[in-house]
Amino acid sequence: MTQVLMGLVNESDRGCVLVAAALLDEFLEETIRARVEENEVSNTTTKSLFDLNGPLANFSSKILICRSFGIIDETSFHDLMIIRKLRNTFAHATDEANFLSTEVKQKVRSMHFVKECMRTTHKDLLLPRAASKADNSELPKDWELRATGMMPIDKSMFCVAVGMLQAHILNKVINDMTARKTEENH
């Protein structure tokens, strides 16, 4: 997981969000597939669930089905929906979307696991790197921050939060699977 997080950090802002969403999309699909296999559903039926026109073909549907069937909790659902919205913002923006924009910062900072990171991170690190300006053109660009060995705090918190979110979901899946196996044995 550490290599994945470092990969996210080294991506452009757009790449970071798009790759994070793709990784989480794939992770949810693997999780759903594992649950479907428990019910001995045929490979053909399983494949059709995730095909291009299948009911679980997109990230949003996977998030909704995972929440509806208790695969993820409300906290994970909340953060995944924000990541989905960020993915759409970054994928469809005609101008350069980045972690320095007010809209993106607000979405990122509303994520549960980002708040958790911020709560446990040294407060001096959370001070703005540049004075707040209404005009983002005066804020340092990602490449300018990286050239000095820095990156936007929101980007680094987002990357850590993605890892925490994935670990949280995996922990819930393992606990639920263990509980189901225990019930079967009694």
C-alpha atoms as a PDB file:
ATOM      1  CA  MET A   1       0.000   0.000   0.000  1.00  0.00           C
ATOM      2  CA  THR A   2       2.914   2.368   0.717  1.00  0.00           C
ATOM      3  CA  GLN A   3       4.068   2.124  -2.909  1.00  0.00           C
ATOM      4  CA  VAL A   4       0.553   2.940  -4.089  1.00  0.00           C
ATOM      5  CA  LEU A   5       0.391   6.014  -1.840  1.00  0.00           C
ATOM      6  CA  MET A   6       3.803   7.195  -3.023  1.00  0.00           C
ATOM      7  CA  GLY A   7       2.603   6.689  -6.575  1.00  0.00           C
ATOM      8  CA  LEU A   8      -0.388   8.930  -5.870  1.00  0.00           C
ATOM      9  CA  VAL A   9       1.817  11.616  -4.337  1.00  0.00           C
ATOM     10  CA  ASN A  10       4.052  11.645  -7.410  1.00  0.00           C
ATOM     11  CA  GLU A  11       1.117  12.042  -9.816  1.00  0.00           C
ATOM     12  CA  SER A  12      -0.119  15.410 -11.032  1.00  0.00           C
ATOM     13  CA  ASP A  13      -3.121  16.637  -9.039  1.00  0.00           C
ATOM     14  CA  ARG A  14      -5.463  15.363 -11.748  1.00  0.00           C
ATOM     15  CA  GLY A  15      -3.613  12.056 -11.966  1.00  0.00           C
ATOM     16  CA  CYS A  16      -3.665  11.683  -8.185  1.00  0.00           C
ATOM     17  CA  VAL A  17      -7.448  11.934  -7.960  1.00  0.00           C
ATOM     18  CA  LEU A  18      -8.142   9.855 -11.067  1.00  0.00           C
ATOM     19  CA  VAL A  19      -5.760   7.070 -10.025  1.00  0.00           C
ATOM     20  CA  ALA A  20      -7.078   7.077  -6.429  1.00  0.00           C
ATOM     21  CA  ALA A  21     -10.654   6.748  -7.693  1.00  0.00           C
ATOM     22  CA  ALA A  22      -9.658   3.976 -10.111  1.00  0.00           C
ATOM     23  CA  LEU A  23      -7.846   2.065  -7.350  1.00  0.00           C
ATOM     24  CA  LEU A  24     -10.832   2.349  -5.021  1.00  0.00           C
ATOM     25  CA  ASP A  25     -13.219   1.384  -7.839  1.00  0.00           C
ATOM     26  CA  GLU A  26     -11.156  -1.756  -8.481  1.00  0.00           C
ATOM     27  CA  PHE A  27     -10.962  -2.496  -4.742  1.00  0.00           C
ATOM     28  CA  LEU A  28     -14.757  -2.247  -4.382  1.00  0.00           C
ATOM     29  CA  GLU A  29     -15.223  -4.494  -7.416  1.00  0.00           C
ATOM     30  CA  GLU A  30     -12.916  -7.138  -5.923  1.00  0.00           C
ATOM     31  CA  THR A  31     -14.810  -6.903  -2.640  1.00  0.00           C
ATOM     32  CA  ILE A  32     -18.198  -7.298  -4.335  1.00  0.00           C
ATOM     33  CA  ARG A  33     -16.906 -10.185  -6.467  1.00  0.00           C
ATOM     34  CA  ALA A  34     -15.741 -11.983  -3.315  1.00  0.00           C
ATOM     35  CA  ARG A  35     -19.212 -11.627  -1.793  1.00  0.00           C
ATOM     36  CA  VAL A  36     -20.879 -12.815  -5.000  1.00  0.00           C
ATOM     37  CA  GLU A  37     -18.589 -15.870  -5.092  1.00  0.00           C
ATOM     38  CA  GLU A  38     -19.674 -16.747  -1.539  1.00  0.00           C
ATOM     39  CA  ASN A  39     -23.179 -17.173  -2.957  1.00  0.00           C
ATOM     40  CA  GLU A  40     -21.941 -19.510  -5.696  1.00  0.00           C
ATOM     41  CA  VAL A  41     -23.125 -17.275  -8.537  1.00  0.00           C
ATOM     42  CA  SER A  42     -21.941 -18.429 -11.975  1.00  0.00           C
ATOM     43  CA  ASN A  43     -18.971 -16.728 -13.630  1.00  0.00           C
ATOM     44  CA  THR A  44     -21.215 -15.639 -16.510  1.00  0.00           C
ATOM     45  CA  THR A  45     -23.653 -13.909 -14.172  1.00  0.00           C
ATOM     46  CA  THR A  46     -20.839 -12.333 -12.167  1.00  0.00           C
ATOM     47  CA  LYS A  47     -19.175 -11.074 -15.348  1.00  0.00           C
ATOM     48  CA  SER A  48     -22.447  -9.536 -16.550  1.00  0.00           C
ATOM     49  CA  LEU A  49     -22.752  -7.563 -13.302  1.00  0.00           C
ATOM     50  CA  PHE A  50     -19.566  -5.642 -14.106  1.00  0.00           C
ATOM     51  CA  ASP A  51     -19.768  -5.495 -17.925  1.00  0.00           C
ATOM     52  CA  LEU A  52     -19.984  -2.120 -19.629  1.00  0.00           C
ATOM     53  CA  ASN A  53     -23.794  -2.124 -19.468  1.00  0.00           C
ATOM     54  CA  GLY A  54     -24.030  -4.095 -16.232  1.00  0.00           C
ATOM     55  CA  PRO A  55     -25.589  -2.682 -13.071  1.00  0.00           C
ATOM     56  CA  LEU A  56     -22.163  -2.447 -11.383  1.00  0.00           C
ATOM     57  CA  ALA A  57     -20.224  -1.005 -14.308  1.00  0.00           C
ATOM     58  CA  ASN A  58     -19.393   2.314 -12.671  1.00  0.00           C
ATOM     59  CA  PHE A  59     -17.839   3.616  -9.461  1.00  0.00           C
ATOM     60  CA  SER A  60     -21.049   5.212  -8.206  1.00  0.00           C
ATOM     61  CA  SER A  61     -23.053   1.985  -8.537  1.00  0.00           C
ATOM     62  CA  LYS A  62     -20.376   0.019  -6.709  1.00  0.00           C
ATOM     63  CA  ILE A  63     -20.345   2.531  -3.860  1.00  0.00           C
ATOM     64  CA  LEU A  64     -24.143   2.458  -3.586  1.00  0.00           C
ATOM     65  CA  ILE A  65     -24.390  -1.335  -3.658  1.00  0.00           C
ATOM     66  CA  CYS A  66     -21.593  -1.704  -1.105  1.00  0.00           C
ATOM     67  CA  ARG A  67     -23.387   0.648   1.269  1.00  0.00           C
ATOM     68  CA  SER A  68     -26.806  -0.898   0.624  1.00  0.00           C
ATOM     69  CA  PHE A  69     -25.554  -4.386   1.482  1.00  0.00           C
ATOM     70  CA  GLY A  70     -23.497  -3.288   4.482  1.00  0.00           C
ATOM     71  CA  ILE A  71     -20.141  -4.008   2.851  1.00  0.00           C
ATOM     72  CA  ILE A  72     -19.045  -0.483   3.757  1.00  0.00           C
ATOM     73  CA  ASP A  73     -20.160   1.728   6.615  1.00  0.00           C
ATOM     74  CA  GLU A  74     -21.500   5.287   6.466  1.00  0.00           C
ATOM     75  CA  THR A  75     -18.040   6.802   7.023  1.00  0.00           C
ATOM     76  CA  SER A  76     -16.586   4.945   4.037  1.00  0.00           C
ATOM     77  CA  PHE A  77     -19.665   5.762   1.956  1.00  0.00           C
ATOM     78  CA  HIS A  78     -19.288   9.470   2.749  1.00  0.00           C
ATOM     79  CA  ASP A  79     -15.617   9.600   1.770  1.00  0.00           C
ATOM     80  CA  LEU A  80     -16.087   7.452  -1.339  1.00  0.00           C
ATOM     81  CA  MET A  81     -18.863   9.752  -2.568  1.00  0.00           C
ATOM     82  CA  ILE A  82     -16.574  12.763  -2.104  1.00  0.00           C
ATOM     83  CA  ILE A  83     -13.796  10.991  -4.004  1.00  0.00           C
ATOM     84  CA  ARG A  84     -16.318  10.179  -6.759  1.00  0.00           C
ATOM     85  CA  LYS A  85     -17.297  13.853  -6.976  1.00  0.00           C
ATOM     86  CA  LEU A  86     -13.640  14.913  -6.997  1.00  0.00           C
ATOM     87  CA  ARG A  87     -12.937  12.373  -9.736  1.00  0.00           C
ATOM     88  CA  ASN A  88     -15.728  13.870 -11.831  1.00  0.00           C
ATOM     89  CA  THR A  89     -14.461  17.401 -11.163  1.00  0.00           C
ATOM     90  CA  PHE A  90     -10.907  16.522 -12.197  1.00  0.00           C
ATOM     91  CA  ALA A  91     -11.937  14.347 -15.155  1.00  0.00           C
ATOM     92  CA  HIS A  92     -14.297  16.892 -16.691  1.00  0.00           C
ATOM     93  CA  ALA A  93     -12.648  20.215 -15.799  1.00  0.00           C
ATOM     94  CA  THR A  94     -11.738  22.275 -18.850  1.00  0.00           C
ATOM     95  CA  ASP A  95      -9.350  24.376 -16.792  1.00  0.00           C
ATOM     96  CA  GLU A  96      -6.662  22.949 -14.546  1.00  0.00           C
ATOM     97  CA  ALA A  97      -8.279  21.445 -11.450  1.00  0.00           C
ATOM     98  CA  ASN A  98      -5.881  21.235  -8.520  1.00  0.00           C
ATOM     99  CA  PHE A  99      -5.600  20.815  -4.762  1.00  0.00           C
ATOM    100  CA  LEU A 100      -5.012  24.552  -4.324  1.00  0.00           C
ATOM    101  CA  SER A 101      -8.502  25.534  -5.505  1.00  0.00           C
ATOM    102  CA  THR A 102     -11.024  26.470  -2.835  1.00  0.00           C
ATOM    103  CA  GLU A 103     -13.675  24.055  -4.156  1.00  0.00           C
ATOM    104  CA  VAL A 104     -11.288  21.093  -4.101  1.00  0.00           C
ATOM    105  CA  LYS A 105      -9.914  22.022  -0.663  1.00  0.00           C
ATOM    106  CA  GLN A 106     -13.442  22.169   0.764  1.00  0.00           C
ATOM    107  CA  LYS A 107     -14.331  18.749  -0.624  1.00  0.00           C
ATOM    108  CA  VAL A 108     -11.060  17.170   0.499  1.00  0.00           C
ATOM    109  CA  ARG A 109     -11.286  18.673   3.980  1.00  0.00           C
ATOM    110  CA  SER A 110     -14.850  17.396   4.388  1.00  0.00           C
ATOM    111  CA  MET A 111     -13.623  13.786   4.128  1.00  0.00           C
ATOM    112  CA  HIS A 112     -13.680  11.879   7.419  1.00  0.00           C
ATOM    113  CA  PHE A 113     -10.228  10.367   6.960  1.00  0.00           C
ATOM    114  CA  VAL A 114      -8.701  13.717   5.965  1.00  0.00           C
ATOM    115  CA  LYS A 115     -10.122  15.200   9.169  1.00  0.00           C
ATOM    116  CA  GLU A 116      -8.582  12.271  11.039  1.00  0.00           C
ATOM    117  CA  CYS A 117      -5.211  12.986   9.399  1.00  0.00           C
ATOM    118  CA  MET A 118      -5.473  16.661  10.237  1.00  0.00           C
ATOM    119  CA  ARG A 119      -6.423  15.892  13.828  1.00  0.00           C
ATOM    120  CA  THR A 120      -3.357  13.721  14.317  1.00  0.00           C
ATOM    121  CA  THR A 121      -0.874  15.822  12.306  1.00  0.00           C
ATOM    122  CA  HIS A 122       1.277  18.502  13.867  1.00  0.00           C
ATOM    123  CA  LYS A 123      -0.713  21.737  13.641  1.00  0.00           C
ATOM    124  CA  ASP A 124       2.221  23.750  12.220  1.00  0.00           C
ATOM    125  CA  LEU A 125       2.026  21.649   9.075  1.00  0.00           C
ATOM    126  CA  LEU A 126      -1.548  22.762   8.487  1.00  0.00           C
ATOM    127  CA  LEU A 127      -0.787  26.459   8.081  1.00  0.00           C
ATOM    128  CA  PRO A 128      -1.404  27.717   4.553  1.00  0.00           C
ATOM    129  CA  ARG A 129       1.733  27.638   2.407  1.00  0.00           C
ATOM    130  CA  ALA A 130       0.673  30.830   0.650  1.00  0.00           C
ATOM    131  CA  ALA A 131      -1.482  33.701   1.744  1.00  0.00           C
ATOM    132  CA  SER A 132      -5.147  33.126   0.982  1.00  0.00           C
ATOM    133  CA  LYS A 133      -5.923  34.834  -2.272  1.00  0.00           C
ATOM    134  CA  ALA A 134      -9.193  34.987  -4.129  1.00  0.00           C
ATOM    135  CA  ASP A 135      -7.223  34.622  -7.361  1.00  0.00           C
ATOM    136  CA  ASN A 136      -5.566  31.197  -7.617  1.00  0.00           C
ATOM    137  CA  SER A 137      -3.188  32.534 -10.279  1.00  0.00           C
ATOM    138  CA  GLU A 138      -1.045  34.000  -7.471  1.00  0.00           C
ATOM    139  CA  LEU A 139      -0.869  30.714  -5.571  1.00  0.00           C
ATOM    140  CA  PRO A 140       2.125  28.475  -6.202  1.00  0.00           C
ATOM    141  CA  LYS A 141       1.528  25.784  -8.797  1.00  0.00           C
ATOM    142  CA  ASP A 142       2.033  22.108  -8.034  1.00  0.00           C
ATOM    143  CA  TRP A 143       5.310  22.003  -9.972  1.00  0.00           C
ATOM    144  CA  GLU A 144       6.584  25.073  -8.068  1.00  0.00           C
ATOM    145  CA  LEU A 145       5.856  23.397  -4.734  1.00  0.00           C
ATOM    146  CA  ARG A 146       7.425  20.125  -5.895  1.00  0.00           C
ATOM    147  CA  ALA A 147      10.529  21.949  -7.152  1.00  0.00           C
ATOM    148  CA  THR A 148      11.108  23.112  -3.581  1.00  0.00           C
ATOM    149  CA  GLY A 149      10.395  19.641  -2.170  1.00  0.00           C
ATOM    150  CA  MET A 150       6.897  20.547  -1.010  1.00  0.00           C
ATOM    151  CA  MET A 151       3.374  19.707  -2.073  1.00  0.00           C
ATOM    152  CA  PRO A 152      -0.053  21.079  -1.229  1.00  0.00           C
ATOM    153  CA  ILE A 153      -1.063  19.848   2.239  1.00  0.00           C
ATOM    154  CA  ASP A 154      -4.490  18.909   0.893  1.00  0.00           C
ATOM    155  CA  LYS A 155      -2.915  16.616  -1.688  1.00  0.00           C
ATOM    156  CA  SER A 156      -0.768  14.840   0.888  1.00  0.00           C
ATOM    157  CA  MET A 157      -3.726  14.505   3.282  1.00  0.00           C
ATOM    158  CA  PHE A 158      -5.890  13.184   0.441  1.00  0.00           C
ATOM    159  CA  CYS A 159      -3.294  10.518  -0.409  1.00  0.00           C
ATOM    160  CA  VAL A 160      -2.980   9.381   3.206  1.00  0.00           C
ATOM    161  CA  ALA A 161      -6.778   9.432   3.607  1.00  0.00           C
ATOM    162  CA  VAL A 162      -7.206   7.182   0.551  1.00  0.00           C
ATOM    163  CA  GLY A 163      -4.913   4.630   2.180  1.00  0.00           C
ATOM    164  CA  MET A 164      -6.736   4.926   5.504  1.00  0.00           C
ATOM    165  CA  LEU A 165     -10.099   4.537   3.755  1.00  0.00           C
ATOM    166  CA  GLN A 166      -8.992   1.408   1.928  1.00  0.00           C
ATOM    167  CA  ALA A 167      -7.603  -0.074   5.167  1.00  0.00           C
ATOM    168  CA  HIS A 168     -10.843   0.790   6.990  1.00  0.00           C
ATOM    169  CA  ILE A 169     -12.960  -0.951   4.342  1.00  0.00           C
ATOM    170  CA  LEU A 170     -10.663  -3.977   4.288  1.00  0.00           C
ATOM    171  CA  ASN A 171     -10.829  -4.230   8.081  1.00  0.00           C
ATOM    172  CA  LYS A 172     -14.651  -4.162   7.976  1.00  0.00           C
ATOM    173  CA  VAL A 173     -14.756  -6.774   5.212  1.00  0.00           C
ATOM    174  CA  ILE A 174     -12.436  -9.089   7.169  1.00  0.00           C
ATOM    175  CA  ASN A 175     -14.401  -8.613  10.407  1.00  0.00           C
ATOM    176  CA  ASP A 176     -17.704  -9.281   8.624  1.00  0.00           C
ATOM    177  CA  MET A 177     -16.315 -12.371   6.907  1.00  0.00           C
ATOM    178  CA  THR A 178     -14.978 -13.692  10.217  1.00  0.00           C
ATOM    179  CA  ALA A 179     -18.367 -13.102  11.861  1.00  0.00           C
ATOM    180  CA  ARG A 180     -20.159 -14.953   9.031  1.00  0.00           C
ATOM    181  CA  LYS A 181     -17.766 -17.906   9.303  1.00  0.00           C
ATOM    182  CA  THR A 182     -18.242 -17.998  13.090  1.00  0.00           C
ATOM    183  CA  GLU A 183     -22.043 -18.032  12.664  1.00  0.00           C
ATOM    184  CA  GLU A 184     -21.798 -20.854  10.113  1.00  0.00           C
ATOM    185  CA  ASN A 185     -19.766 -22.953  12.549  1.00  0.00           C
ATOM    186  CA  HIS A 186     -22.310 -22.611  15.352  1.00  0.00           C
END
